[in-house]
Every structure is written in structure tokens, then in C-alpha cells.
C-alpha atoms as a PDB file:
ATOM      1  CA  MET A   1     -12.529 -13.820  -9.597  1.00  0.00           C
ATOM      2  CA  ASN A   2     -11.002 -16.138  -7.464  1.00  0.00           C
ATOM      3  CA  THR A   3      -7.292 -16.624  -8.396  1.00  0.00           C
ATOM      4  CA  LEU A   4      -4.703 -16.498  -6.411  1.00  0.00           C
ATOM      5  CA  ALA A   5      -2.691 -13.665  -7.884  1.00  0.00           C
ATOM      6  CA  ALA A   6      -5.770 -11.434  -9.357  1.00  0.00           C
ATOM      7  CA  LEU A   7      -5.004  -8.449 -11.063  1.00  0.00           C
ATOM      8  CA  ARG A   8      -6.726  -6.633  -8.480  1.00  0.00           C
ATOM      9  CA  ARG A   9      -4.911  -8.133  -5.846  1.00  0.00           C
ATOM     10  CA  ILE A  10      -1.519  -7.503  -7.241  1.00  0.00           C
ATOM     11  CA  ALA A  11      -2.363  -3.552  -8.038  1.00  0.00           C
ATOM     12  CA  ILE A  12      -3.557  -2.494  -4.526  1.00  0.00           C
ATOM     13  CA  PRO A  13      -0.187  -2.926  -2.415  1.00  0.00           C
ATOM     14  CA  ALA A  14       1.679  -2.090  -6.060  1.00  0.00           C
ATOM     15  CA  ILE A  15       0.398   1.901  -5.858  1.00  0.00           C
ATOM     16  CA  PRO A  16       1.934   2.868  -2.248  1.00  0.00           C
ATOM     17  CA  SER A  17       5.147   0.435  -3.637  1.00  0.00           C
ATOM     18  CA  LEU A  18       5.758   2.677  -6.696  1.00  0.00           C
ATOM     19  CA  GLY A  19       5.199   5.610  -4.628  1.00  0.00           C
ATOM     20  CA  MET A  20       8.312   4.366  -2.663  1.00  0.00           C
ATOM     21  CA  LEU A  21      10.456   3.518  -5.645  1.00  0.00           C
ATOM     22  CA  ILE A  22       9.852   6.784  -7.255  1.00  0.00           C
ATOM     23  CA  THR A  23      10.781   8.732  -4.134  1.00  0.00           C
ATOM     24  CA  PRO A  24      14.386   9.576  -5.389  1.00  0.00           C
ATOM     25  CA  PHE A  25      12.613  11.395  -8.463  1.00  0.00           C
ATOM     26  CA  LEU A  26      10.011  13.327  -6.790  1.00  0.00           C
ATOM     27  CA  PRO A  27      10.710  17.288  -6.573  1.00  0.00           C
ATOM     28  CA  PHE A  28      10.374  17.379  -3.189  1.00  0.00           C
ATOM     29  CA  THR A  29      13.381  14.986  -2.471  1.00  0.00           C
ATOM     30  CA  THR A  30      15.856  17.453  -3.677  1.00  0.00           C
ATOM     31  CA  SER A  31      15.100  20.589  -1.860  1.00  0.00           C
ATOM     32  CA  PRO A  32      15.236  21.247   2.051  1.00  0.00           C
ATOM     33  CA  THR A  33      11.578  20.795   2.496  1.00  0.00           C
ATOM     34  CA  LEU A  34      10.284  20.002   6.148  1.00  0.00           C
ATOM     35  CA  TRP A  35       6.839  18.558   6.742  1.00  0.00           C
ATOM     36  CA  PHE A  36       6.013  18.200  10.332  1.00  0.00           C
ATOM     37  CA  GLY A  37       9.387  19.221  10.945  1.00  0.00           C
ATOM     38  CA  VAL A  38      10.956  16.306   9.470  1.00  0.00           C
ATOM     39  CA  PRO A  39      12.476  15.831   6.141  1.00  0.00           C
ATOM     40  CA  ALA A  40      10.065  15.481   3.226  1.00  0.00           C
ATOM     41  CA  PRO A  41      11.082  12.454   1.761  1.00  0.00           C
ATOM     42  CA  VAL A  42      10.910  10.505   5.053  1.00  0.00           C
ATOM     43  CA  VAL A  43       7.358  11.859   5.887  1.00  0.00           C
ATOM     44  CA  TRP A  44       6.429  10.419   2.183  1.00  0.00           C
ATOM     45  CA  VAL A  45       8.214   6.774   2.851  1.00  0.00           C
ATOM     46  CA  VAL A  46       6.936   6.592   5.824  1.00  0.00           C
ATOM     47  CA  ALA A  47       3.099   7.432   4.568  1.00  0.00           C
ATOM     48  CA  MET A  48       3.690   5.084   1.709  1.00  0.00           C
ATOM     49  CA  ILE A  49       4.455   2.143   4.244  1.00  0.00           C
ATOM     50  CA  VAL A  50       1.261   3.122   6.075  1.00  0.00           C
ATOM     51  CA  LEU A  51      -0.554   2.865   2.957  1.00  0.00           C
ATOM     52  CA  LEU A  52       1.205  -0.429   1.906  1.00  0.00           C
ATOM     53  CA  VAL A  53       0.179  -2.002   5.503  1.00  0.00           C
ATOM     54  CA  VAL A  54      -3.513  -0.964   4.439  1.00  0.00           C
ATOM     55  CA  ALA A  55      -2.967  -2.389   1.022  1.00  0.00           C
ATOM     56  CA  LEU A  56      -1.923  -5.514   2.412  1.00  0.00           C
ATOM     57  CA  ARG A  57      -4.601  -5.724   5.161  1.00  0.00           C
ATOM     58  CA  ILE A  58      -7.209  -5.508   2.417  1.00  0.00           C
ATOM     59  CA  VAL A  59      -5.622  -8.175   0.276  1.00  0.00           C
ATOM     60  CA  GLU A  60      -5.509 -10.391   3.146  1.00  0.00           C
ATOM     61  CA  ALA A  61      -9.114  -9.610   3.940  1.00  0.00           C
ATOM     62  CA  SER A  62     -10.128 -10.425  -0.026  1.00  0.00           C
ATOM     63  CA  TYR A  63      -8.229 -14.085   0.867  1.00  0.00           C
ATOM     64  CA  ARG A  64     -10.140 -14.695   3.753  1.00  0.00           C
ATOM     65  CA  ARG A  65     -13.721 -13.861   2.453  1.00  0.00           C
ATOM     66  CA  ALA A  66     -13.069 -16.140  -0.784  1.00  0.00           C
ATOM     67  CA  ALA A  67     -11.691 -18.712   1.573  1.00  0.00           C
ATOM     68  CA  ALA A  68     -14.927 -18.434   3.655  1.00  0.00           C
ATOM     69  CA  PRO A  69     -17.849 -20.999   2.829  1.00  0.00           C
ATOM     70  CA  GLN A  70     -21.059 -19.764   1.790  1.00  0.00           C
ATOM     71  CA  GLY A  71     -23.080 -18.142   4.798  1.00  0.00           C
ATOM     72  CA  GLU A  72     -20.287 -17.367   7.268  1.00  0.00           C
ATOM     73  CA  VAL A  73     -18.338 -14.218   7.400  1.00  0.00           C
ATOM     74  CA  ALA A  74     -14.757 -13.928   7.321  1.00  0.00           C
ATOM     75  CA  ARG A  75     -13.053 -12.340  10.170  1.00  0.00           C
END
């Protein structure tokens, strides 16, 4: 599938985005829990941001792979 907004290209970054959106509804955000000495919601949001960056990199790589001429390797 070579469309600009393929379902896979939308679904990959949607997972960490939804993880950030549901943060207030997760049970560990209402309790005084510390992960690595930092409040749990902060660690959760940072993890979702890192996952979002990785997901967007995967989507970018799929665009580059689709745009590369046959026989060439996209960087």
C-alpha cells in the first residue's frame, strides 16, 4: 500500500499517543507511586514520548522506502 495516509502509518504513532491521552485514567496516577525516584505519571509520559519519537521514525522510514526508486536503498 503506497498511499500517503495508509492505516499502518496512522496506527503506529497512534498507540503512544493514546497512551499519553489515557494517562489521567490509569490507576497509578492517583496514588503516590515513585518509579526511579520520579512520580509514576512523569515516567509514563516520558516513556510515551520516547515511543512516539520511535514510532514517527518508523513512519518516516516507510515513506522513504516507498519513495526510493527500485534497486536503491533508502537511508
